[in-house]
Amino acid sequence: MQYFKPHWKALVLLLVTVLLISAISSLQPLIIASGVDRLSEGALTRVYWIIAGLLGLGLLNYGVNYVNRFTLVKLLADIIVTLSETAFSASMY
């Protein structure tokens, strides 16, 4: 636990990004269903807005995934360096 404690901000950011990714993934089928309903009603203008919204959600999902992966890789690299330094210093004494 001592290895993760200094990185609590990164862990919170990871938690937030995972929750955002889950929320976005849950919203996409609902929006598609709404678009199908509007298409059957003949409301073509609303369908265009729904498609634009889906595109925006996809871009948001991409950005949140990027932040998530970048943060995770940096966090793991920092922890591995700390573990290596601890192991090296323990082997020297």
PDB file of N, CA and C in Angstrom:
ATOM      1  N   MET A   1       0.817  -1.196   0.000  1.00  0.00           N
ATOM      2  CA  MET A   1       0.000   0.000   0.000  1.00  0.00           C
ATOM      3  C   MET A   1       0.859   1.259   0.000  1.00  0.00           C
ATOM      4  N   GLN A   2       2.056   1.154   0.566  1.00  0.00           N
ATOM      5  CA  GLN A   2       2.923   2.319   0.643  1.00  0.00           C
ATOM      6  C   GLN A   2       3.363   2.793  -0.744  1.00  0.00           C
ATOM      7  N   TYR A   3       3.291   1.916  -1.717  1.00  0.00           N
ATOM      8  CA  TYR A   3       3.692   2.301  -3.066  1.00  0.00           C
ATOM      9  C   TYR A   3       2.603   3.106  -3.779  1.00  0.00           C
ATOM     10  N   PHE A   4       1.354   2.882  -3.390  1.00  0.00           N
ATOM     11  CA  PHE A   4       0.242   3.569  -4.041  1.00  0.00           C
ATOM     12  C   PHE A   4      -0.132   4.880  -3.354  1.00  0.00           C
ATOM     13  N   LYS A   5       0.185   5.005  -2.080  1.00  0.00           N
ATOM     14  CA  LYS A   5      -0.247   6.175  -1.314  1.00  0.00           C
ATOM     15  C   LYS A   5       0.223   7.505  -1.908  1.00  0.00           C
ATOM     16  N   PRO A   6       1.455   7.623  -2.376  1.00  0.00           N
ATOM     17  CA  PRO A   6       1.873   8.907  -2.956  1.00  0.00           C
ATOM     18  C   PRO A   6       1.154   9.247  -4.270  1.00  0.00           C
ATOM     19  N   HIS A   7       0.502   8.272  -4.846  1.00  0.00           N
ATOM     20  CA  HIS A   7      -0.145   8.462  -6.150  1.00  0.00           C
ATOM     21  C   HIS A   7      -1.664   8.478  -6.028  1.00  0.00           C
ATOM     22  N   TRP A   8      -2.178   8.958  -4.912  1.00  0.00           N
ATOM     23  CA  TRP A   8      -3.624   8.894  -4.695  1.00  0.00           C
ATOM     24  C   TRP A   8      -4.396   9.750  -5.698  1.00  0.00           C
ATOM     25  N   LYS A   9      -3.799  10.852  -6.145  1.00  0.00           N
ATOM     26  CA  LYS A   9      -4.493  11.701  -7.132  1.00  0.00           C
ATOM     27  C   LYS A   9      -4.665  10.966  -8.462  1.00  0.00           C
ATOM     28  N   ALA A  10      -3.632  10.247  -8.867  1.00  0.00           N
ATOM     29  CA  ALA A  10      -3.725   9.474 -10.109  1.00  0.00           C
ATOM     30  C   ALA A  10      -4.759   8.359  -9.971  1.00  0.00           C
ATOM     31  N   LEU A  11      -4.832   7.750  -8.802  1.00  0.00           N
ATOM     32  CA  LEU A  11      -5.828   6.698  -8.581  1.00  0.00           C
ATOM     33  C   LEU A  11      -7.244   7.253  -8.634  1.00  0.00           C
ATOM     34  N   VAL A  12      -7.438   8.440  -8.077  1.00  0.00           N
ATOM     35  CA  VAL A  12      -8.764   9.072  -8.142  1.00  0.00           C
ATOM     36  C   VAL A  12      -9.102   9.414  -9.592  1.00  0.00           C
ATOM     37  N   LEU A  13      -8.126   9.938 -10.331  1.00  0.00           N
ATOM     38  CA  LEU A  13      -8.351  10.245 -11.742  1.00  0.00           C
ATOM     39  C   LEU A  13      -8.704   8.984 -12.530  1.00  0.00           C
ATOM     40  N   LEU A  14      -8.032   7.883 -12.234  1.00  0.00           N
ATOM     41  CA  LEU A  14      -8.357   6.614 -12.898  1.00  0.00           C
ATOM     42  C   LEU A  14      -9.779   6.173 -12.581  1.00  0.00           C
ATOM     43  N   LEU A  15     -10.182   6.326 -11.336  1.00  0.00           N
ATOM     44  CA  LEU A  15     -11.544   5.956 -10.953  1.00  0.00           C
ATOM     45  C   LEU A  15     -12.571   6.803 -11.704  1.00  0.00           C
ATOM     46  N   VAL A  16     -12.322   8.100 -11.780  1.00  0.00           N
ATOM     47  CA  VAL A  16     -13.251   8.998 -12.476  1.00  0.00           C
ATOM     48  C   VAL A  16     -13.318   8.653 -13.964  1.00  0.00           C
ATOM     49  N   THR A  17     -12.173   8.395 -14.582  1.00  0.00           N
ATOM     50  CA  THR A  17     -12.191   8.079 -16.011  1.00  0.00           C
ATOM     51  C   THR A  17     -12.880   6.751 -16.288  1.00  0.00           C
ATOM     52  N   VAL A  18     -12.701   5.771 -15.419  1.00  0.00           N
ATOM     53  CA  VAL A  18     -13.393   4.486 -15.609  1.00  0.00           C
ATOM     54  C   VAL A  18     -14.900   4.678 -15.490  1.00  0.00           C
ATOM     55  N   LEU A  19     -15.331   5.492 -14.537  1.00  0.00           N
ATOM     56  CA  LEU A  19     -16.766   5.761 -14.396  1.00  0.00           C
ATOM     57  C   LEU A  19     -17.312   6.511 -15.611  1.00  0.00           C
ATOM     58  N   LEU A  20     -16.540   7.460 -16.131  1.00  0.00           N
ATOM     59  CA  LEU A  20     -16.969   8.190 -17.330  1.00  0.00           C
ATOM     60  C   LEU A  20     -17.058   7.273 -18.549  1.00  0.00           C
ATOM     61  N   ILE A  21     -16.082   6.408 -18.704  1.00  0.00           N
ATOM     62  CA  ILE A  21     -16.101   5.462 -19.825  1.00  0.00           C
ATOM     63  C   ILE A  21     -17.324   4.559 -19.724  1.00  0.00           C
ATOM     64  N   SER A  22     -17.636   4.111 -18.520  1.00  0.00           N
ATOM     65  CA  SER A  22     -18.818   3.263 -18.326  1.00  0.00           C
ATOM     66  C   SER A  22     -20.099   4.020 -18.636  1.00  0.00           C
ATOM     67  N   ALA A  23     -20.175   5.267 -18.205  1.00  0.00           N
ATOM     68  CA  ALA A  23     -21.376   6.067 -18.459  1.00  0.00           C
ATOM     69  C   ALA A  23     -21.556   6.327 -19.952  1.00  0.00           C
ATOM     70  N   ILE A  24     -20.470   6.658 -20.635  1.00  0.00           N
ATOM     71  CA  ILE A  24     -20.556   6.911 -22.075  1.00  0.00           C
ATOM     72  C   ILE A  24     -20.966   5.642 -22.812  1.00  0.00           C
ATOM     73  N   SER A  25     -20.387   4.523 -22.422  1.00  0.00           N
ATOM     74  CA  SER A  25     -20.734   3.254 -23.068  1.00  0.00           C
ATOM     75  C   SER A  25     -22.188   2.882 -22.822  1.00  0.00           C
ATOM     76  N   SER A  26     -22.723   3.262 -21.685  1.00  0.00           N
ATOM     77  CA  SER A  26     -24.126   2.978 -21.384  1.00  0.00           C
ATOM     78  C   SER A  26     -25.068   3.903 -22.144  1.00  0.00           C
ATOM     79  N   LEU A  27     -24.628   5.113 -22.414  1.00  0.00           N
ATOM     80  CA  LEU A  27     -25.476   6.080 -23.113  1.00  0.00           C
ATOM     81  C   LEU A  27     -25.613   5.794 -24.606  1.00  0.00           C
ATOM     82  N   GLN A  28     -24.597   5.254 -25.208  1.00  0.00           N
ATOM     83  CA  GLN A  28     -24.607   5.068 -26.656  1.00  0.00           C
ATOM     84  C   GLN A  28     -25.786   4.225 -27.154  1.00  0.00           C
ATOM     85  N   PRO A  29     -26.089   3.064 -26.572  1.00  0.00           N
ATOM     86  CA  PRO A  29     -27.245   2.304 -27.067  1.00  0.00           C
ATOM     87  C   PRO A  29     -28.570   3.040 -26.874  1.00  0.00           C
ATOM     88  N   LEU A  30     -28.683   3.806 -25.794  1.00  0.00           N
ATOM     89  CA  LEU A  30     -29.913   4.567 -25.571  1.00  0.00           C
ATOM     90  C   LEU A  30     -30.104   5.637 -26.642  1.00  0.00           C
ATOM     91  N   ILE A  31     -29.023   6.289 -27.009  1.00  0.00           N
ATOM     92  CA  ILE A  31     -29.108   7.320 -28.041  1.00  0.00           C
ATOM     93  C   ILE A  31     -29.414   6.695 -29.403  1.00  0.00           C
ATOM     94  N   ILE A  32     -28.814   5.555 -29.685  1.00  0.00           N
ATOM     95  CA  ILE A  32     -29.099   4.869 -30.945  1.00  0.00           C
ATOM     96  C   ILE A  32     -30.565   4.451 -31.002  1.00  0.00           C
ATOM     97  N   ALA A  33     -31.090   3.941 -29.901  1.00  0.00           N
ATOM     98  CA  ALA A  33     -32.509   3.561 -29.860  1.00  0.00           C
ATOM     99  C   ALA A  33     -33.399   4.769 -30.096  1.00  0.00           C
ATOM    100  N   SER A  34     -33.035   5.890 -29.523  1.00  0.00           N
ATOM    101  CA  SER A  34     -33.796   7.119 -29.740  1.00  0.00           C
ATOM    102  C   SER A  34     -33.740   7.535 -31.210  1.00  0.00           C
ATOM    103  N   GLY A  35     -32.587   7.377 -31.829  1.00  0.00           N
ATOM    104  CA  GLY A  35     -32.448   7.707 -33.244  1.00  0.00           C
ATOM    105  C   GLY A  35     -33.290   6.811 -34.134  1.00  0.00           C
ATOM    106  N   VAL A  36     -33.350   5.531 -33.798  1.00  0.00           N
ATOM    107  CA  VAL A  36     -34.178   4.601 -34.571  1.00  0.00           C
ATOM    108  C   VAL A  36     -35.650   4.971 -34.431  1.00  0.00           C
ATOM    109  N   ASP A  37     -36.061   5.327 -33.222  1.00  0.00           N
ATOM    110  CA  ASP A  37     -37.449   5.755 -33.010  1.00  0.00           C
ATOM    111  C   ASP A  37     -37.770   7.008 -33.821  1.00  0.00           C
ATOM    112  N   ARG A  38     -36.863   7.970 -33.812  1.00  0.00           N
ATOM    113  CA  ARG A  38     -37.088   9.215 -34.550  1.00  0.00           C
ATOM    114  C   ARG A  38     -37.101   8.958 -36.056  1.00  0.00           C
ATOM    115  N   LEU A  39     -36.267   8.030 -36.495  1.00  0.00           N
ATOM    116  CA  LEU A  39     -36.212   7.710 -37.920  1.00  0.00           C
ATOM    117  C   LEU A  39     -37.522   7.086 -38.388  1.00  0.00           C
ATOM    118  N   SER A  40     -38.107   6.247 -37.534  1.00  0.00           N
ATOM    119  CA  SER A  40     -39.383   5.627 -37.901  1.00  0.00           C
ATOM    120  C   SER A  40     -40.520   6.655 -37.908  1.00  0.00           C
ATOM    121  N   GLU A  41     -40.347   7.735 -37.145  1.00  0.00           N
ATOM    122  CA  GLU A  41     -41.351   8.806 -37.130  1.00  0.00           C
ATOM    123  C   GLU A  41     -41.174   9.764 -38.306  1.00  0.00           C
ATOM    124  N   GLY A  42     -40.045   9.684 -38.964  1.00  0.00           N
ATOM    125  CA  GLY A  42     -39.783  10.560 -40.100  1.00  0.00           C
ATOM    126  C   GLY A  42     -39.130  11.878 -39.726  1.00  0.00           C
ATOM    127  N   ALA A  43     -38.672  12.018 -38.498  1.00  0.00           N
ATOM    128  CA  ALA A  43     -38.028  13.258 -38.039  1.00  0.00           C
ATOM    129  C   ALA A  43     -36.545  13.209 -38.395  1.00  0.00           C
ATOM    130  N   LEU A  44     -36.250  13.484 -39.658  1.00  0.00           N
ATOM    131  CA  LEU A  44     -34.886  13.351 -40.162  1.00  0.00           C
ATOM    132  C   LEU A  44     -33.930  14.377 -39.550  1.00  0.00           C
ATOM    133  N   THR A  45     -34.419  15.580 -39.273  1.00  0.00           N
ATOM    134  CA  THR A  45     -33.560  16.609 -38.684  1.00  0.00           C
ATOM    135  C   THR A  45     -33.067  16.181 -37.305  1.00  0.00           C
ATOM    136  N   ARG A  46     -33.947  15.582 -36.533  1.00  0.00           N
ATOM    137  CA  ARG A  46     -33.534  15.117 -35.203  1.00  0.00           C
ATOM    138  C   ARG A  46     -32.536  13.974 -35.304  1.00  0.00           C
ATOM    139  N   VAL A  47     -32.674  13.152 -36.327  1.00  0.00           N
ATOM    140  CA  VAL A  47     -31.731  12.047 -36.516  1.00  0.00           C
ATOM    141  C   VAL A  47     -30.330  12.594 -36.773  1.00  0.00           C
ATOM    142  N   TYR A  48     -30.238  13.676 -37.528  1.00  0.00           N
ATOM    143  CA  TYR A  48     -28.925  14.287 -37.764  1.00  0.00           C
ATOM    144  C   TYR A  48     -28.303  14.781 -36.455  1.00  0.00           C
ATOM    145  N   TRP A  49     -29.116  15.355 -35.597  1.00  0.00           N
ATOM    146  CA  TRP A  49     -28.613  15.810 -34.293  1.00  0.00           C
ATOM    147  C   TRP A  49     -28.183  14.622 -33.438  1.00  0.00           C
ATOM    148  N   ILE A  50     -28.914  13.539 -33.527  1.00  0.00           N
ATOM    149  CA  ILE A  50     -28.555  12.341 -32.758  1.00  0.00           C
ATOM    150  C   ILE A  50     -27.239  11.762 -33.271  1.00  0.00           C
ATOM    151  N   ILE A  51     -27.060  11.761 -34.585  1.00  0.00           N
ATOM    152  CA  ILE A  51     -25.796  11.279 -35.154  1.00  0.00           C
ATOM    153  C   ILE A  51     -24.645  12.182 -34.718  1.00  0.00           C
ATOM    154  N   ALA A  52     -24.875  13.484 -34.719  1.00  0.00           N
ATOM    155  CA  ALA A  52     -23.839  14.421 -34.257  1.00  0.00           C
ATOM    156  C   ALA A  52     -23.526  14.189 -32.780  1.00  0.00           C
ATOM    157  N   GLY A  53     -24.561  13.921 -31.991  1.00  0.00           N
ATOM    158  CA  GLY A  53     -24.346  13.624 -30.574  1.00  0.00           C
ATOM    159  C   GLY A  53     -23.550  12.348 -30.369  1.00  0.00           C
ATOM    160  N   LEU A  54     -23.838  11.341 -31.182  1.00  0.00           N
ATOM    161  CA  LEU A  54     -23.075  10.091 -31.093  1.00  0.00           C
ATOM    162  C   LEU A  54     -21.616  10.304 -31.478  1.00  0.00           C
ATOM    163  N   LEU A  55     -21.403  11.125 -32.483  1.00  0.00           N
ATOM    164  CA  LEU A  55     -20.030  11.441 -32.875  1.00  0.00           C
ATOM    165  C   LEU A  55     -19.307  12.173 -31.743  1.00  0.00           C
ATOM    166  N   GLY A  56     -19.991  13.129 -31.129  1.00  0.00           N
ATOM    167  CA  GLY A  56     -19.407  13.840 -29.992  1.00  0.00           C
ATOM    168  C   GLY A  56     -19.110  12.916 -28.823  1.00  0.00           C
ATOM    169  N   LEU A  57     -20.031  12.000 -28.559  1.00  0.00           N
ATOM    170  CA  LEU A  57     -19.801  11.028 -27.487  1.00  0.00           C
ATOM    171  C   LEU A  57     -18.611  10.128 -27.801  1.00  0.00           C
ATOM    172  N   GLY A  58     -18.474   9.756 -29.067  1.00  0.00           N
ATOM    173  CA  GLY A  58     -17.332   8.937 -29.468  1.00  0.00           C
ATOM    174  C   GLY A  58     -16.018   9.664 -29.266  1.00  0.00           C
ATOM    175  N   LEU A  59     -15.999  10.946 -29.613  1.00  0.00           N
ATOM    176  CA  LEU A  59     -14.784  11.743 -29.408  1.00  0.00           C
ATOM    177  C   LEU A  59     -14.482  11.924 -27.921  1.00  0.00           C
ATOM    178  N   LEU A  60     -15.526  12.143 -27.140  1.00  0.00           N
ATOM    179  CA  LEU A  60     -15.341  12.260 -25.692  1.00  0.00           C
ATOM    180  C   LEU A  60     -14.809  10.951 -25.112  1.00  0.00           C
ATOM    181  N   ASN A  61     -15.354   9.842 -25.579  1.00  0.00           N
ATOM    182  CA  ASN A  61     -14.902   8.528 -25.124  1.00  0.00           C
ATOM    183  C   ASN A  61     -13.430   8.320 -25.476  1.00  0.00           C
ATOM    184  N   TYR A  62     -13.034   8.734 -26.668  1.00  0.00           N
ATOM    185  CA  TYR A  62     -11.640   8.629 -27.086  1.00  0.00           C
ATOM    186  C   TYR A  62     -10.733   9.443 -26.157  1.00  0.00           C
ATOM    187  N   GLY A  63     -11.133  10.678 -25.871  1.00  0.00           N
ATOM    188  CA  GLY A  63     -10.335  11.536 -25.001  1.00  0.00           C
ATOM    189  C   GLY A  63     -10.217  10.995 -23.585  1.00  0.00           C
ATOM    190  N   VAL A  64     -11.324  10.507 -23.046  1.00  0.00           N
ATOM    191  CA  VAL A  64     -11.305   9.962 -21.688  1.00  0.00           C
ATOM    192  C   VAL A  64     -10.455   8.688 -21.646  1.00  0.00           C
ATOM    193  N   ASN A  65     -10.562   7.849 -22.676  1.00  0.00           N
ATOM    194  CA  ASN A  65      -9.731   6.646 -22.746  1.00  0.00           C
ATOM    195  C   ASN A  65      -8.250   7.001 -22.825  1.00  0.00           C
ATOM    196  N   TYR A  66      -7.924   8.053 -23.573  1.00  0.00           N
ATOM    197  CA  TYR A  66      -6.537   8.489 -23.683  1.00  0.00           C
ATOM    198  C   TYR A  66      -5.996   8.922 -22.316  1.00  0.00           C
ATOM    199  N   VAL A  67      -6.768   9.724 -21.612  1.00  0.00           N
ATOM    200  CA  VAL A  67      -6.353  10.176 -20.277  1.00  0.00           C
ATOM    201  C   VAL A  67      -6.199   8.979 -19.344  1.00  0.00           C
ATOM    202  N   ASN A  68      -7.125   8.038 -19.430  1.00  0.00           N
ATOM    203  CA  ASN A  68      -7.086   6.849 -18.586  1.00  0.00           C
ATOM    204  C   ASN A  68      -5.815   6.046 -18.842  1.00  0.00           C
ATOM    205  N   ARG A  69      -5.534   5.767 -20.087  1.00  0.00           N
ATOM    206  CA  ARG A  69      -4.355   4.950 -20.408  1.00  0.00           C
ATOM    207  C   ARG A  69      -3.059   5.672 -20.079  1.00  0.00           C
ATOM    208  N   PHE A  70      -2.991   6.966 -20.374  1.00  0.00           N
ATOM    209  CA  PHE A  70      -1.788   7.737 -20.074  1.00  0.00           C
ATOM    210  C   PHE A  70      -1.523   7.741 -18.568  1.00  0.00           C
ATOM    211  N   THR A  71      -2.564   7.980 -17.787  1.00  0.00           N
ATOM    212  CA  THR A  71      -2.429   8.018 -16.330  1.00  0.00           C
ATOM    213  C   THR A  71      -2.029   6.651 -15.789  1.00  0.00           C
ATOM    214  N   LEU A  72      -2.644   5.600 -16.311  1.00  0.00           N
ATOM    215  CA  LEU A  72      -2.340   4.248 -15.839  1.00  0.00           C
ATOM    216  C   LEU A  72      -0.899   3.865 -16.147  1.00  0.00           C
ATOM    217  N   VAL A  73      -0.436   4.156 -17.343  1.00  0.00           N
ATOM    218  CA  VAL A  73       0.937   3.816 -17.719  1.00  0.00           C
ATOM    219  C   VAL A  73       1.932   4.587 -16.861  1.00  0.00           C
ATOM    220  N   LYS A  74       1.684   5.876 -16.652  1.00  0.00           N
ATOM    221  CA  LYS A  74       2.588   6.682 -15.819  1.00  0.00           C
ATOM    222  C   LYS A  74       2.597   6.187 -14.380  1.00  0.00           C
ATOM    223  N   LEU A  75       1.421   5.869 -13.855  1.00  0.00           N
ATOM    224  CA  LEU A  75       1.323   5.370 -12.489  1.00  0.00           C
ATOM    225  C   LEU A  75       2.093   4.060 -12.333  1.00  0.00           C
ATOM    226  N   LEU A  76       1.878   3.129 -13.246  1.00  0.00           N
ATOM    227  CA  LEU A  76       2.574   1.845 -13.155  1.00  0.00           C
ATOM    228  C   LEU A  76       4.080   2.005 -13.315  1.00  0.00           C
ATOM    229  N   ALA A  77       4.505   2.885 -14.203  1.00  0.00           N
ATOM    230  CA  ALA A  77       5.940   3.113 -14.376  1.00  0.00           C
ATOM    231  C   ALA A  77       6.557   3.689 -13.101  1.00  0.00           C
ATOM    232  N   ASP A  78       5.881   4.640 -12.480  1.00  0.00           N
ATOM    233  CA  ASP A  78       6.387   5.223 -11.231  1.00  0.00           C
ATOM    234  C   ASP A  78       6.468   4.173 -10.126  1.00  0.00           C
ATOM    235  N   ILE A  79       5.467   3.317 -10.040  1.00  0.00           N
ATOM    236  CA  ILE A  79       5.460   2.285  -9.000  1.00  0.00           C
ATOM    237  C   ILE A  79       6.559   1.257  -9.256  1.00  0.00           C
ATOM    238  N   ILE A  80       6.772   0.894 -10.506  1.00  0.00           N
ATOM    239  CA  ILE A  80       7.834  -0.064 -10.826  1.00  0.00           C
ATOM    240  C   ILE A  80       9.201   0.522 -10.496  1.00  0.00           C
ATOM    241  N   VAL A  81       9.402   1.799 -10.776  1.00  0.00           N
ATOM    242  CA  VAL A  81      10.672   2.449 -10.429  1.00  0.00           C
ATOM    243  C   VAL A  81      10.867   2.439  -8.915  1.00  0.00           C
ATOM    244  N   THR A  82       9.822   2.758  -8.176  1.00  0.00           N
ATOM    245  CA  THR A  82       9.914   2.759  -6.714  1.00  0.00           C
ATOM    246  C   THR A  82      10.220   1.358  -6.187  1.00  0.00           C
ATOM    247  N   LEU A  83       9.559   0.356  -6.742  1.00  0.00           N
ATOM    248  CA  LEU A  83       9.831  -1.026  -6.331  1.00  0.00           C
ATOM    249  C   LEU A  83      11.272  -1.421  -6.644  1.00  0.00           C
ATOM    250  N   SER A  84      11.760  -1.023  -7.798  1.00  0.00           N
ATOM    251  CA  SER A  84      13.136  -1.344  -8.177  1.00  0.00           C
ATOM    252  C   SER A  84      14.134  -0.673  -7.244  1.00  0.00           C
ATOM    253  N   GLU A  85      13.892   0.592  -6.933  1.00  0.00           N
ATOM    254  CA  GLU A  85      14.783   1.304  -6.018  1.00  0.00           C
ATOM    255  C   GLU A  85      14.765   0.676  -4.631  1.00  0.00           C
ATOM    256  N   THR A  86      13.584   0.281  -4.172  1.00  0.00           N
ATOM    257  CA  THR A  86      13.469  -0.354  -2.857  1.00  0.00           C
ATOM    258  C   THR A  86      14.198  -1.692  -2.841  1.00  0.00           C
ATOM    259  N   ALA A  87      14.032  -2.476  -3.888  1.00  0.00           N
ATOM    260  CA  ALA A  87      14.699  -3.778  -3.958  1.00  0.00           C
ATOM    261  C   ALA A  87      16.213  -3.607  -4.032  1.00  0.00           C
ATOM    262  N   PHE A  88      16.673  -2.626  -4.784  1.00  0.00           N
ATOM    263  CA  PHE A  88      18.107  -2.396  -4.903  1.00  0.00           C
ATOM    264  C   PHE A  88      18.698  -1.943  -3.577  1.00  0.00           C
ATOM    265  N   SER A  89      18.029  -1.003  -2.924  1.00  0.00           N
ATOM    266  CA  SER A  89      18.569  -0.522  -1.649  1.00  0.00           C
ATOM    267  C   SER A  89      18.512  -1.610  -0.578  1.00  0.00           C
ATOM    268  N   ALA A  90      17.524  -2.492  -0.636  1.00  0.00           N
ATOM    269  CA  ALA A  90      17.447  -3.591   0.334  1.00  0.00           C
ATOM    270  C   ALA A  90      18.549  -4.617   0.084  1.00  0.00           C
ATOM    271  N   SER A  91      18.945  -4.790  -1.157  1.00  0.00           N
ATOM    272  CA  SER A  91      19.982  -5.778  -1.464  1.00  0.00           C
ATOM    273  C   SER A  91      21.378  -5.252  -1.153  1.00  0.00           C
ATOM    274  N   MET A  92      21.518  -3.960  -1.018  1.00  0.00           N
ATOM    275  CA  MET A  92      22.828  -3.376  -0.753  1.00  0.00           C
ATOM    276  C   MET A  92      23.183  -3.386   0.730  1.00  0.00           C
ATOM    277  N   TYR A  93      22.229  -3.591   1.602  1.00  0.00           N
ATOM    278  CA  TYR A  93      22.525  -3.541   3.045  1.00  0.00           C
ATOM    279  C   TYR A  93      22.298  -4.855   3.699  1.00  0.00           C
TER     280      TYR A  93
END
